[in-house]
Amino acid sequence: MLDPKLLSILVCPLTKAPLIYDREKNELISKKAGLAFPIRHNIPVMLIDEARKIDEESL
């Protein structure tokens, strides 16, 4: 589980928009950028090259 304090300060590195925590997939979602950033070993990987592209329907 991601620390709520950490989630409150993290933003999308591309758009600077807030992120949504997807507990089921263990990812941080940027709706504005259409990207999902993985969380590995409880550490968010906020690199655009590591993000997965998502479509509107999966949000």
C-alpha atoms as a PDB file:
ATOM      1  CA  MET A   1       0.000   0.000   0.000  1.00  0.00           C
ATOM      2  CA  LEU A   2       1.201   3.462  -0.909  1.00  0.00           C
ATOM      3  CA  ASP A   3       1.627   6.014   1.867  1.00  0.00           C
ATOM      4  CA  PRO A   4      -1.176   8.624   1.573  1.00  0.00           C
ATOM      5  CA  LYS A   5       1.288  11.430   2.382  1.00  0.00           C
ATOM      6  CA  LEU A   6       3.470  10.396  -0.543  1.00  0.00           C
ATOM      7  CA  LEU A   7       0.475  10.250  -2.865  1.00  0.00           C
ATOM      8  CA  SER A   8      -0.540  13.762  -1.834  1.00  0.00           C
ATOM      9  CA  ILE A   9       2.774  15.252  -3.026  1.00  0.00           C
ATOM     10  CA  LEU A  10       3.376  13.209  -6.183  1.00  0.00           C
ATOM     11  CA  VAL A  11       2.301  14.588  -9.558  1.00  0.00           C
ATOM     12  CA  CYS A  12       2.620  13.384 -13.119  1.00  0.00           C
ATOM     13  CA  PRO A  13       6.123  14.238 -14.384  1.00  0.00           C
ATOM     14  CA  LEU A  14       4.700  15.076 -17.809  1.00  0.00           C
ATOM     15  CA  THR A  15       1.606  17.154 -17.021  1.00  0.00           C
ATOM     16  CA  LYS A  16       2.109  18.002 -13.320  1.00  0.00           C
ATOM     17  CA  ALA A  17      -1.481  16.799 -12.764  1.00  0.00           C
ATOM     18  CA  PRO A  18      -2.489  14.828  -9.651  1.00  0.00           C
ATOM     19  CA  LEU A  19      -2.233  11.038  -9.713  1.00  0.00           C
ATOM     20  CA  ILE A  20      -4.727   8.354  -8.784  1.00  0.00           C
ATOM     21  CA  TYR A  21      -3.594   5.230  -6.949  1.00  0.00           C
ATOM     22  CA  ASP A  22      -4.819   1.984  -8.505  1.00  0.00           C
ATOM     23  CA  ARG A  23      -4.402  -0.519  -5.685  1.00  0.00           C
ATOM     24  CA  GLU A  24      -5.440  -3.482  -7.837  1.00  0.00           C
ATOM     25  CA  LYS A  25      -2.737  -2.908 -10.464  1.00  0.00           C
ATOM     26  CA  ASN A  26      -0.277  -1.234  -8.083  1.00  0.00           C
ATOM     27  CA  GLU A  27       0.114   1.800 -10.330  1.00  0.00           C
ATOM     28  CA  LEU A  28      -0.246   5.546 -10.220  1.00  0.00           C
ATOM     29  CA  ILE A  29      -2.564   6.796 -12.950  1.00  0.00           C
ATOM     30  CA  SER A  30      -2.315  10.128 -14.738  1.00  0.00           C
ATOM     31  CA  LYS A  31      -5.634  10.598 -16.516  1.00  0.00           C
ATOM     32  CA  LYS A  32      -4.433  13.788 -18.182  1.00  0.00           C
ATOM     33  CA  ALA A  33      -1.364  12.106 -19.715  1.00  0.00           C
ATOM     34  CA  GLY A  34      -2.996   8.717 -20.257  1.00  0.00           C
ATOM     35  CA  LEU A  35      -0.147   6.987 -18.428  1.00  0.00           C
ATOM     36  CA  ALA A  36       0.154   4.467 -15.614  1.00  0.00           C
ATOM     37  CA  PHE A  37       3.342   4.590 -13.556  1.00  0.00           C
ATOM     38  CA  PRO A  38       4.363   1.323 -11.878  1.00  0.00           C
ATOM     39  CA  ILE A  39       5.101   0.929  -8.184  1.00  0.00           C
ATOM     40  CA  ARG A  40       7.947  -1.486  -7.528  1.00  0.00           C
ATOM     41  CA  HIS A  41       8.917  -2.574  -4.012  1.00  0.00           C
ATOM     42  CA  ASN A  42       6.671   0.231  -2.646  1.00  0.00           C
ATOM     43  CA  ILE A  43       8.564   2.849  -4.675  1.00  0.00           C
ATOM     44  CA  PRO A  44       6.743   4.758  -7.449  1.00  0.00           C
ATOM     45  CA  VAL A  45       8.705   4.709 -10.700  1.00  0.00           C
ATOM     46  CA  MET A  46       7.972   8.164 -12.079  1.00  0.00           C
ATOM     47  CA  LEU A  47       9.901   7.818 -15.339  1.00  0.00           C
ATOM     48  CA  ILE A  48       7.910   8.459 -18.504  1.00  0.00           C
ATOM     49  CA  ASP A  49       9.851   5.719 -20.302  1.00  0.00           C
ATOM     50  CA  GLU A  50       8.713   3.204 -17.650  1.00  0.00           C
ATOM     51  CA  ALA A  51       5.041   4.238 -17.784  1.00  0.00           C
ATOM     52  CA  ARG A  52       2.378   2.196 -19.520  1.00  0.00           C
ATOM     53  CA  LYS A  53       0.022   3.930 -21.955  1.00  0.00           C
ATOM     54  CA  ILE A  54      -3.633   3.589 -21.047  1.00  0.00           C
ATOM     55  CA  ASP A  55      -6.775   4.422 -22.925  1.00  0.00           C
ATOM     56  CA  GLU A  56      -9.825   6.349 -21.705  1.00  0.00           C
ATOM     57  CA  GLU A  57     -11.917   3.199 -21.359  1.00  0.00           C
ATOM     58  CA  SER A  58      -9.568   1.625 -18.813  1.00  0.00           C
ATOM     59  CA  LEU A  59      -9.739   4.692 -16.563  1.00  0.00           C
END
